[in-house]
N, C-alpha and C. Protein backbone atom coordinates (compact mmCIF):
# COMPACT_ATOMS: atom_id res chain seq x y z
N MET A 1 -52.63 152.40 50.98
CA MET A 1 -51.82 151.71 51.99
C MET A 1 -50.37 151.69 51.52
N SER A 2 -49.53 152.31 52.30
CA SER A 2 -48.13 152.43 51.94
C SER A 2 -47.34 151.20 52.36
N ARG A 3 -46.52 150.74 51.46
CA ARG A 3 -45.69 149.59 51.77
C ARG A 3 -44.59 149.97 52.76
N ARG A 4 -44.23 151.22 52.81
CA ARG A 4 -43.18 151.72 53.69
C ARG A 4 -43.49 151.45 55.17
N THR A 5 -44.76 151.46 55.56
CA THR A 5 -45.11 151.25 56.96
C THR A 5 -44.83 149.82 57.42
N ARG A 6 -44.63 148.91 56.49
CA ARG A 6 -44.39 147.51 56.86
C ARG A 6 -42.90 147.18 57.02
N LEU A 7 -42.04 148.12 56.70
CA LEU A 7 -40.61 147.86 56.80
C LEU A 7 -40.18 147.74 58.25
N LYS A 8 -39.27 146.79 58.50
CA LYS A 8 -38.72 146.61 59.84
C LYS A 8 -37.67 147.67 60.11
N PRO A 9 -37.59 148.13 61.36
CA PRO A 9 -36.47 149.02 61.69
C PRO A 9 -35.16 148.21 61.69
N VAL A 10 -34.09 148.85 61.24
CA VAL A 10 -32.79 148.18 61.10
C VAL A 10 -31.72 149.00 61.80
N ALA A 11 -30.87 148.33 62.57
CA ALA A 11 -29.72 148.97 63.19
C ALA A 11 -28.45 148.32 62.63
N VAL A 12 -27.40 149.12 62.50
CA VAL A 12 -26.11 148.61 62.05
C VAL A 12 -25.16 148.64 63.24
N VAL A 13 -24.55 147.48 63.52
CA VAL A 13 -23.58 147.37 64.61
C VAL A 13 -22.25 146.96 63.97
N ARG A 14 -21.18 147.65 64.37
CA ARG A 14 -19.86 147.40 63.78
C ARG A 14 -18.88 146.88 64.84
N GLY A 15 -17.95 146.05 64.39
CA GLY A 15 -16.90 145.55 65.26
C GLY A 15 -15.82 144.89 64.45
N GLU A 16 -14.64 144.73 65.03
CA GLU A 16 -13.55 144.06 64.33
C GLU A 16 -13.75 142.54 64.36
N LEU A 17 -14.15 142.03 65.53
CA LEU A 17 -14.42 140.61 65.68
C LEU A 17 -15.49 140.45 66.75
N VAL A 18 -16.03 139.25 66.84
CA VAL A 18 -17.08 139.00 67.82
C VAL A 18 -16.40 138.67 69.14
N ASP A 19 -16.16 139.71 69.93
CA ASP A 19 -15.54 139.55 71.23
C ASP A 19 -16.57 139.86 72.31
N ARG A 20 -16.12 139.87 73.53
CA ARG A 20 -17.05 140.09 74.65
C ARG A 20 -17.77 141.43 74.55
N ALA A 21 -17.03 142.49 74.19
CA ALA A 21 -17.64 143.82 74.10
C ALA A 21 -18.74 143.85 73.04
N LEU A 22 -18.48 143.26 71.88
CA LEU A 22 -19.51 143.23 70.83
C LEU A 22 -20.69 142.38 71.26
N HIS A 23 -20.41 141.24 71.88
CA HIS A 23 -21.48 140.38 72.38
C HIS A 23 -22.35 141.15 73.37
N ASP A 24 -21.74 141.86 74.30
CA ASP A 24 -22.48 142.64 75.30
C ASP A 24 -23.31 143.73 74.64
N THR A 25 -22.75 144.39 73.63
CA THR A 25 -23.47 145.43 72.90
C THR A 25 -24.71 144.85 72.22
N LEU A 26 -24.54 143.70 71.56
CA LEU A 26 -25.67 143.07 70.88
C LEU A 26 -26.74 142.62 71.88
N ARG A 27 -26.31 142.06 72.99
CA ARG A 27 -27.25 141.60 74.01
C ARG A 27 -28.04 142.78 74.58
N SER A 28 -27.34 143.86 74.88
CA SER A 28 -27.99 145.05 75.43
C SER A 28 -28.95 145.68 74.42
N HIS A 29 -28.52 145.76 73.17
CA HIS A 29 -29.38 146.33 72.13
C HIS A 29 -30.64 145.48 71.97
N TYR A 30 -30.47 144.17 71.97
CA TYR A 30 -31.63 143.29 71.80
C TYR A 30 -32.59 143.40 73.00
N ALA A 31 -32.05 143.55 74.19
CA ALA A 31 -32.89 143.69 75.39
C ALA A 31 -33.73 144.97 75.30
N ASP A 32 -33.14 146.04 74.78
CA ASP A 32 -33.84 147.32 74.67
C ASP A 32 -34.73 147.42 73.43
N HIS A 33 -34.34 146.74 72.35
CA HIS A 33 -35.05 146.87 71.06
C HIS A 33 -35.20 145.51 70.39
N PRO A 34 -36.00 144.60 70.96
CA PRO A 34 -36.10 143.25 70.38
C PRO A 34 -36.74 143.21 68.99
N ASP A 35 -37.44 144.27 68.61
CA ASP A 35 -38.11 144.28 67.32
C ASP A 35 -37.25 144.89 66.21
N VAL A 36 -36.04 145.32 66.53
CA VAL A 36 -35.15 145.93 65.54
C VAL A 36 -34.20 144.87 64.99
N ALA A 37 -34.18 144.74 63.66
CA ALA A 37 -33.26 143.81 63.01
C ALA A 37 -31.86 144.41 63.03
N VAL A 38 -30.85 143.57 63.13
CA VAL A 38 -29.47 144.04 63.22
C VAL A 38 -28.67 143.57 62.00
N VAL A 39 -27.97 144.52 61.40
CA VAL A 39 -26.98 144.22 60.37
C VAL A 39 -25.63 144.35 61.06
N LEU A 40 -24.90 143.25 61.12
CA LEU A 40 -23.60 143.22 61.79
C LEU A 40 -22.50 143.39 60.75
N VAL A 41 -21.69 144.42 60.90
CA VAL A 41 -20.53 144.65 60.04
C VAL A 41 -19.31 144.32 60.88
N VAL A 42 -18.57 143.30 60.47
CA VAL A 42 -17.48 142.78 61.29
C VAL A 42 -16.31 142.36 60.42
N GLY A 43 -15.11 142.53 60.96
CA GLY A 43 -13.91 142.14 60.22
C GLY A 43 -13.76 140.64 60.10
N ARG A 44 -13.94 139.93 61.22
CA ARG A 44 -13.80 138.47 61.23
C ARG A 44 -14.97 137.85 61.97
N ILE A 45 -15.50 136.78 61.42
CA ILE A 45 -16.59 136.05 62.06
C ILE A 45 -16.58 134.62 61.55
N GLY A 46 -16.92 133.70 62.43
CA GLY A 46 -17.01 132.29 62.06
C GLY A 46 -18.35 131.71 62.49
N VAL A 47 -18.58 130.46 62.13
CA VAL A 47 -19.83 129.80 62.46
C VAL A 47 -20.03 129.78 63.98
N HIS A 48 -18.96 129.53 64.74
CA HIS A 48 -19.08 129.49 66.20
C HIS A 48 -19.49 130.85 66.76
N ASP A 49 -19.07 131.94 66.10
CA ASP A 49 -19.50 133.27 66.53
C ASP A 49 -21.00 133.44 66.33
N LEU A 50 -21.49 132.94 65.20
CA LEU A 50 -22.93 133.05 64.94
C LEU A 50 -23.74 132.30 65.99
N SER A 51 -23.23 131.15 66.42
CA SER A 51 -23.93 130.40 67.47
C SER A 51 -24.08 131.23 68.73
N ALA A 52 -23.06 132.01 69.04
CA ALA A 52 -23.08 132.81 70.27
C ALA A 52 -23.97 134.03 70.17
N ILE A 53 -24.09 134.64 68.99
CA ILE A 53 -24.84 135.89 68.86
C ILE A 53 -26.19 135.74 68.19
N ALA A 54 -26.50 134.55 67.70
CA ALA A 54 -27.76 134.33 66.98
C ALA A 54 -29.01 134.79 67.74
N PRO A 55 -29.08 134.64 69.06
CA PRO A 55 -30.31 135.04 69.76
C PRO A 55 -30.57 136.54 69.80
N TYR A 56 -29.67 137.37 69.27
CA TYR A 56 -29.79 138.81 69.46
C TYR A 56 -30.25 139.58 68.23
N GLY A 57 -31.11 139.00 67.41
CA GLY A 57 -31.73 139.71 66.31
C GLY A 57 -30.83 139.97 65.12
N ILE A 58 -29.80 139.14 64.92
CA ILE A 58 -28.90 139.32 63.79
C ILE A 58 -29.62 138.85 62.53
N SER A 59 -29.84 139.76 61.60
CA SER A 59 -30.51 139.42 60.34
C SER A 59 -29.53 139.37 59.17
N ALA A 60 -28.40 140.02 59.32
CA ALA A 60 -27.43 140.03 58.23
C ALA A 60 -26.03 140.23 58.78
N VAL A 61 -25.06 139.66 58.08
CA VAL A 61 -23.66 139.82 58.44
C VAL A 61 -22.92 140.26 57.18
N ILE A 62 -22.14 141.31 57.34
CA ILE A 62 -21.31 141.80 56.24
C ILE A 62 -19.89 141.86 56.77
N ARG A 63 -18.97 141.28 56.05
CA ARG A 63 -17.56 141.40 56.42
C ARG A 63 -17.04 142.74 55.94
N THR A 64 -16.17 143.36 56.70
CA THR A 64 -15.62 144.67 56.37
C THR A 64 -14.99 144.68 54.99
N ASP A 65 -14.27 143.61 54.64
CA ASP A 65 -13.64 143.56 53.31
C ASP A 65 -14.67 143.53 52.18
N GLU A 66 -15.87 143.02 52.45
CA GLU A 66 -16.93 143.05 51.43
C GLU A 66 -17.39 144.48 51.16
N LEU A 67 -17.43 145.31 52.22
CA LEU A 67 -17.82 146.70 52.03
C LEU A 67 -16.80 147.46 51.20
N THR A 68 -15.54 147.13 51.38
CA THR A 68 -14.49 147.78 50.61
C THR A 68 -14.64 147.43 49.12
N ALA A 69 -14.96 146.16 48.86
CA ALA A 69 -15.08 145.70 47.48
C ALA A 69 -16.38 146.19 46.82
N ARG A 70 -17.45 146.36 47.61
CA ARG A 70 -18.76 146.76 47.07
C ARG A 70 -19.32 147.90 47.91
N PRO A 71 -19.03 149.14 47.58
CA PRO A 71 -19.43 150.29 48.39
C PRO A 71 -20.93 150.40 48.67
N GLY A 72 -21.80 150.00 47.76
CA GLY A 72 -23.25 150.11 47.97
C GLY A 72 -23.86 148.93 48.71
N LEU A 73 -23.04 148.00 49.15
CA LEU A 73 -23.55 146.78 49.76
C LEU A 73 -24.33 147.03 51.05
N LEU A 74 -23.86 147.92 51.90
CA LEU A 74 -24.54 148.17 53.17
C LEU A 74 -25.97 148.65 52.94
N THR A 75 -26.15 149.59 52.04
CA THR A 75 -27.50 150.09 51.74
C THR A 75 -28.38 148.98 51.19
N GLU A 76 -27.81 148.18 50.30
CA GLU A 76 -28.55 147.06 49.70
C GLU A 76 -29.00 146.06 50.77
N VAL A 77 -28.09 145.70 51.66
CA VAL A 77 -28.41 144.73 52.72
C VAL A 77 -29.42 145.31 53.71
N LYS A 78 -29.26 146.58 54.08
CA LYS A 78 -30.23 147.21 54.99
C LYS A 78 -31.64 147.19 54.39
N ASN A 79 -31.76 147.45 53.09
CA ASN A 79 -33.06 147.40 52.42
C ASN A 79 -33.63 145.99 52.43
N THR A 80 -32.78 145.01 52.17
CA THR A 80 -33.22 143.61 52.19
C THR A 80 -33.72 143.22 53.57
N VAL A 81 -32.98 143.58 54.61
CA VAL A 81 -33.36 143.25 55.98
C VAL A 81 -34.64 143.97 56.39
N ALA A 82 -34.78 145.24 55.98
CA ALA A 82 -35.99 146.00 56.30
C ALA A 82 -37.23 145.34 55.72
N GLN A 83 -37.06 144.63 54.61
CA GLN A 83 -38.17 143.94 53.98
C GLN A 83 -38.35 142.51 54.50
N GLY A 84 -37.58 142.15 55.53
CA GLY A 84 -37.73 140.83 56.14
C GLY A 84 -36.73 139.80 55.67
N GLY A 85 -35.73 140.21 54.88
CA GLY A 85 -34.74 139.27 54.36
C GLY A 85 -33.58 139.05 55.32
N TYR A 86 -32.71 138.12 54.93
CA TYR A 86 -31.53 137.77 55.71
C TYR A 86 -30.34 137.68 54.77
N ARG A 87 -29.12 137.78 55.34
CA ARG A 87 -27.93 137.70 54.51
C ARG A 87 -26.73 137.26 55.32
N LEU A 88 -25.99 136.27 54.78
CA LEU A 88 -24.71 135.84 55.33
C LEU A 88 -23.68 135.91 54.21
N PRO A 89 -22.42 136.19 54.54
CA PRO A 89 -21.38 136.13 53.49
C PRO A 89 -21.32 134.73 52.90
N GLY A 90 -20.91 134.64 51.65
CA GLY A 90 -20.91 133.36 50.93
C GLY A 90 -20.26 132.20 51.66
N VAL A 91 -19.00 132.35 52.06
CA VAL A 91 -18.29 131.25 52.71
C VAL A 91 -18.93 130.90 54.05
N LEU A 92 -19.31 131.93 54.82
CA LEU A 92 -19.95 131.70 56.12
C LEU A 92 -21.31 131.04 55.93
N GLY A 93 -22.06 131.52 54.95
CA GLY A 93 -23.37 130.93 54.67
C GLY A 93 -23.25 129.47 54.29
N ALA A 94 -22.24 129.12 53.48
CA ALA A 94 -22.03 127.73 53.09
C ALA A 94 -21.69 126.88 54.31
N SER A 95 -20.89 127.43 55.23
CA SER A 95 -20.53 126.69 56.45
C SER A 95 -21.75 126.44 57.32
N VAL A 96 -22.61 127.45 57.43
CA VAL A 96 -23.84 127.28 58.22
C VAL A 96 -24.75 126.25 57.57
N ARG A 97 -24.90 126.34 56.24
CA ARG A 97 -25.76 125.37 55.55
C ARG A 97 -25.22 123.96 55.72
N THR A 98 -23.92 123.79 55.64
CA THR A 98 -23.31 122.47 55.84
C THR A 98 -23.58 121.97 57.25
N ALA A 99 -23.43 122.85 58.24
CA ALA A 99 -23.66 122.46 59.63
C ALA A 99 -25.12 122.07 59.84
N VAL A 100 -26.04 122.77 59.17
CA VAL A 100 -27.47 122.45 59.32
C VAL A 100 -27.80 121.16 58.60
N ASP A 101 -27.24 120.99 57.39
CA ASP A 101 -27.52 119.78 56.60
C ASP A 101 -26.93 118.53 57.23
N ARG A 102 -25.75 118.67 57.84
CA ARG A 102 -25.08 117.51 58.45
C ARG A 102 -24.69 117.84 59.88
N PRO A 103 -25.67 117.95 60.77
CA PRO A 103 -25.32 118.30 62.14
C PRO A 103 -24.52 117.18 62.80
N SER A 104 -23.69 117.58 63.75
CA SER A 104 -22.95 116.56 64.48
C SER A 104 -23.94 115.74 65.29
N ARG A 105 -23.68 114.49 65.41
CA ARG A 105 -24.58 113.57 66.12
C ARG A 105 -23.99 113.24 67.48
N PRO A 106 -24.38 113.96 68.53
CA PRO A 106 -23.84 113.64 69.84
C PRO A 106 -24.35 112.29 70.32
N ARG A 107 -23.54 111.62 71.15
CA ARG A 107 -23.96 110.34 71.71
C ARG A 107 -25.06 110.53 72.74
N ARG A 108 -25.11 111.71 73.34
CA ARG A 108 -26.19 112.07 74.24
C ARG A 108 -26.48 113.55 73.98
N SER A 109 -27.63 114.02 74.36
CA SER A 109 -27.93 115.41 74.05
C SER A 109 -27.00 116.33 74.82
N ILE A 110 -26.57 117.38 74.14
CA ILE A 110 -25.63 118.31 74.74
C ILE A 110 -26.31 119.07 75.86
N GLY A 111 -25.63 119.21 76.97
CA GLY A 111 -26.15 120.01 78.05
C GLY A 111 -26.89 119.23 79.11
N GLN A 112 -26.75 117.92 79.13
CA GLN A 112 -27.40 117.15 80.17
C GLN A 112 -26.80 117.50 81.52
N PRO A 113 -27.60 117.41 82.58
CA PRO A 113 -27.06 117.69 83.91
C PRO A 113 -25.84 116.80 84.20
N GLY A 114 -24.86 117.40 84.85
CA GLY A 114 -23.68 116.63 85.22
C GLY A 114 -22.51 116.80 84.27
N VAL A 115 -22.75 117.40 83.08
CA VAL A 115 -21.65 117.65 82.16
C VAL A 115 -21.13 119.04 82.48
N LEU A 116 -20.03 119.09 83.21
CA LEU A 116 -19.47 120.36 83.63
C LEU A 116 -18.21 120.65 82.85
N LEU A 117 -17.96 121.92 82.60
CA LEU A 117 -16.72 122.30 81.95
C LEU A 117 -15.68 122.62 83.00
N LYS A 118 -14.50 122.02 82.86
CA LYS A 118 -13.38 122.32 83.73
C LYS A 118 -12.84 123.69 83.35
N PRO A 119 -12.05 124.32 84.21
CA PRO A 119 -11.49 125.64 83.86
C PRO A 119 -10.75 125.66 82.53
N ILE A 120 -9.95 124.62 82.24
CA ILE A 120 -9.23 124.59 80.96
C ILE A 120 -10.22 124.47 79.82
N ASP A 121 -11.29 123.69 80.00
CA ASP A 121 -12.31 123.54 78.96
C ASP A 121 -12.97 124.89 78.67
N LEU A 122 -13.37 125.57 79.72
CA LEU A 122 -14.04 126.86 79.56
C LEU A 122 -13.10 127.88 78.89
N ALA A 123 -11.84 127.86 79.27
CA ALA A 123 -10.87 128.77 78.66
C ALA A 123 -10.74 128.48 77.16
N LEU A 124 -10.64 127.20 76.80
CA LEU A 124 -10.49 126.83 75.39
C LEU A 124 -11.73 127.16 74.59
N VAL A 125 -12.91 126.91 75.15
CA VAL A 125 -14.15 127.21 74.45
C VAL A 125 -14.32 128.71 74.28
N THR A 126 -13.99 129.47 75.31
CA THR A 126 -14.08 130.93 75.23
C THR A 126 -13.13 131.47 74.17
N LEU A 127 -11.91 130.97 74.15
CA LEU A 127 -10.94 131.42 73.13
C LEU A 127 -11.40 131.02 71.73
N ALA A 128 -11.97 129.85 71.58
CA ALA A 128 -12.48 129.42 70.27
C ALA A 128 -13.63 130.31 69.84
N ALA A 129 -14.50 130.68 70.78
CA ALA A 129 -15.61 131.57 70.46
C ALA A 129 -15.12 132.94 70.03
N GLN A 130 -13.92 133.31 70.46
CA GLN A 130 -13.32 134.59 70.06
C GLN A 130 -12.51 134.45 68.77
N GLY A 131 -12.53 133.26 68.18
CA GLY A 131 -11.86 133.05 66.90
C GLY A 131 -10.44 132.55 66.98
N ARG A 132 -9.97 132.12 68.15
CA ARG A 132 -8.60 131.64 68.30
C ARG A 132 -8.47 130.21 67.79
N THR A 133 -7.37 129.91 67.17
CA THR A 133 -7.07 128.54 66.76
C THR A 133 -6.57 127.77 67.97
N THR A 134 -6.45 126.48 67.82
CA THR A 134 -5.92 125.65 68.91
C THR A 134 -4.50 126.07 69.25
N GLU A 135 -3.69 126.34 68.23
CA GLU A 135 -2.31 126.74 68.46
C GLU A 135 -2.24 128.07 69.21
N ARG A 136 -3.04 129.05 68.78
CA ARG A 136 -3.02 130.36 69.45
C ARG A 136 -3.55 130.24 70.88
N SER A 137 -4.54 129.38 71.08
CA SER A 137 -5.08 129.17 72.43
C SER A 137 -4.01 128.60 73.34
N ALA A 138 -3.27 127.61 72.84
CA ALA A 138 -2.20 127.02 73.64
C ALA A 138 -1.17 128.07 74.02
N HIS A 139 -0.80 128.89 73.06
CA HIS A 139 0.18 129.95 73.32
C HIS A 139 -0.36 130.94 74.35
N GLN A 140 -1.61 131.37 74.17
CA GLN A 140 -2.18 132.35 75.10
C GLN A 140 -2.31 131.80 76.51
N LEU A 141 -2.63 130.50 76.63
CA LEU A 141 -2.78 129.89 77.95
C LEU A 141 -1.44 129.42 78.51
N ASP A 142 -0.38 129.57 77.72
CA ASP A 142 0.96 129.15 78.11
C ASP A 142 0.98 127.66 78.44
N GLU A 143 0.35 126.88 77.57
CA GLU A 143 0.31 125.42 77.71
C GLU A 143 0.93 124.80 76.46
N ARG A 144 1.40 123.56 76.60
CA ARG A 144 1.91 122.83 75.45
C ARG A 144 0.76 122.50 74.50
N LEU A 145 1.02 122.52 73.20
CA LEU A 145 -0.01 122.21 72.21
C LEU A 145 -0.56 120.80 72.42
N ALA A 146 0.30 119.86 72.74
CA ALA A 146 -0.15 118.48 72.96
C ALA A 146 -1.14 118.41 74.14
N TYR A 147 -0.88 119.17 75.19
CA TYR A 147 -1.79 119.19 76.35
C TYR A 147 -3.15 119.76 75.94
N VAL A 148 -3.14 120.83 75.17
CA VAL A 148 -4.40 121.46 74.75
C VAL A 148 -5.18 120.52 73.85
N LYS A 149 -4.51 119.85 72.92
CA LYS A 149 -5.20 118.90 72.03
C LYS A 149 -5.82 117.76 72.83
N GLU A 150 -5.11 117.27 73.84
CA GLU A 150 -5.65 116.20 74.68
C GLU A 150 -6.84 116.70 75.50
N ALA A 151 -6.76 117.92 76.01
CA ALA A 151 -7.89 118.51 76.75
C ALA A 151 -9.11 118.63 75.84
N LEU A 152 -8.90 119.03 74.60
CA LEU A 152 -10.01 119.12 73.65
C LEU A 152 -10.60 117.75 73.34
N ARG A 153 -9.74 116.76 73.16
CA ARG A 153 -10.23 115.40 72.90
C ARG A 153 -11.12 114.91 74.05
N ARG A 154 -10.67 115.15 75.29
CA ARG A 154 -11.47 114.75 76.45
C ARG A 154 -12.78 115.53 76.53
N LEU A 155 -12.74 116.82 76.21
CA LEU A 155 -13.95 117.64 76.23
C LEU A 155 -14.96 117.13 75.21
N TYR A 156 -14.50 116.88 73.98
CA TYR A 156 -15.39 116.36 72.94
C TYR A 156 -16.02 115.04 73.39
N GLN A 157 -15.21 114.19 74.01
CA GLN A 157 -15.70 112.89 74.46
C GLN A 157 -16.76 113.06 75.56
N ARG A 158 -16.49 113.95 76.53
CA ARG A 158 -17.45 114.16 77.62
C ARG A 158 -18.77 114.72 77.11
N LEU A 159 -18.70 115.65 76.16
CA LEU A 159 -19.92 116.25 75.63
C LEU A 159 -20.57 115.39 74.56
N GLY A 160 -19.82 114.45 74.01
CA GLY A 160 -20.37 113.59 72.96
C GLY A 160 -20.48 114.31 71.63
N VAL A 161 -19.51 115.17 71.32
CA VAL A 161 -19.52 115.92 70.07
C VAL A 161 -18.21 115.70 69.33
N SER A 162 -18.14 116.23 68.11
CA SER A 162 -16.91 116.06 67.35
C SER A 162 -16.34 117.38 66.84
N THR A 163 -16.97 118.49 67.21
CA THR A 163 -16.46 119.79 66.73
C THR A 163 -16.44 120.82 67.85
N MET A 164 -15.59 121.80 67.68
CA MET A 164 -15.52 122.91 68.63
C MET A 164 -16.79 123.75 68.53
N THR A 165 -17.37 123.83 67.34
CA THR A 165 -18.62 124.59 67.17
C THR A 165 -19.70 124.06 68.11
N ALA A 166 -19.80 122.75 68.24
CA ALA A 166 -20.79 122.16 69.14
C ALA A 166 -20.46 122.49 70.60
N CYS A 167 -19.19 122.52 70.94
CA CYS A 167 -18.79 122.89 72.30
C CYS A 167 -19.16 124.34 72.60
N VAL A 168 -18.89 125.23 71.64
CA VAL A 168 -19.21 126.64 71.82
C VAL A 168 -20.72 126.81 71.93
N ARG A 169 -21.46 126.10 71.09
CA ARG A 169 -22.93 126.17 71.13
C ARG A 169 -23.44 125.75 72.51
N TYR A 170 -22.88 124.67 73.05
CA TYR A 170 -23.28 124.20 74.39
C TYR A 170 -22.98 125.27 75.44
N ALA A 171 -21.75 125.81 75.41
CA ALA A 171 -21.35 126.80 76.41
C ALA A 171 -22.19 128.07 76.30
N ALA A 172 -22.50 128.49 75.08
CA ALA A 172 -23.33 129.69 74.89
C ALA A 172 -24.74 129.44 75.41
N ARG A 173 -25.29 128.28 75.09
CA ARG A 173 -26.65 127.95 75.53
C ARG A 173 -26.73 127.85 77.05
N GLU A 174 -25.66 127.38 77.67
CA GLU A 174 -25.65 127.24 79.12
C GLU A 174 -25.28 128.54 79.84
N GLY A 175 -25.01 129.60 79.06
CA GLY A 175 -24.68 130.89 79.66
C GLY A 175 -23.27 130.95 80.23
N LEU A 176 -22.38 130.11 79.73
CA LEU A 176 -21.02 130.06 80.26
C LEU A 176 -20.07 131.03 79.57
N LEU A 177 -20.46 131.54 78.42
CA LEU A 177 -19.59 132.47 77.71
C LEU A 177 -19.94 133.90 78.05
N TRP A 178 -18.94 134.71 78.25
CA TRP A 178 -19.08 136.14 78.49
C TRP A 178 -19.88 136.46 79.74
N ASP A 179 -20.02 135.54 80.65
CA ASP A 179 -20.73 135.81 81.88
C ASP A 179 -19.72 135.76 83.02
N ASP A 180 -19.25 136.93 83.44
CA ASP A 180 -18.23 136.95 84.48
C ASP A 180 -18.82 136.97 85.86
N GLY A 181 -20.15 137.02 85.98
CA GLY A 181 -20.79 136.97 87.28
C GLY A 181 -20.63 138.25 88.08
N ALA A 182 -20.14 139.30 87.46
CA ALA A 182 -19.90 140.53 88.21
C ALA A 182 -21.16 141.37 88.39
N GLY A 183 -22.22 140.98 87.73
CA GLY A 183 -23.46 141.76 87.87
C GLY A 183 -23.38 143.03 87.04
N GLU A 184 -24.15 144.03 87.42
CA GLU A 184 -24.18 145.25 86.65
C GLU A 184 -22.93 146.08 86.90
N ALA A 185 -22.56 146.80 85.88
CA ALA A 185 -21.39 147.67 86.01
C ALA A 185 -21.73 148.85 86.90
N SER A 186 -20.77 149.28 87.67
CA SER A 186 -21.04 150.43 88.54
C SER A 186 -20.61 151.71 87.90
């Protein structure tokens, strides 16, 4: 009995950051190949990005700068994933562990009926999911920083959370991110 027959198939997906195009690629790949583990090689990624892409078979994340520093890393990680293992970069892994160990305590469960995101809320959550800071989001939306901070404070209060990660998680779970409603591409 060969141990090789038990290895999981592994695909490598590359991107600069977790944007809409990468999200769509991961979603499409997972729909076609749900049994294939994915090693994501990406330039920038945060905990909020993981919340958005976690349902799509991501078994490992490698930052591009890690590959530069350790040339054999991709092969090593692919072998680990094929054997059923998982891998996150050190800093990102620590952030995820911290979030799991000390989850935010909402005053009510996130996603209850009646909690709607206003257009400014959805824009801010979408930009945060793309890795934008509050300052960059304000600049991109052509709004004053004070206005954006107040909008975020109100959003956190309405959802009963204290972090943007929780807001992104709610929006991703509710299907509000990367869904333009345009249907299939022609």
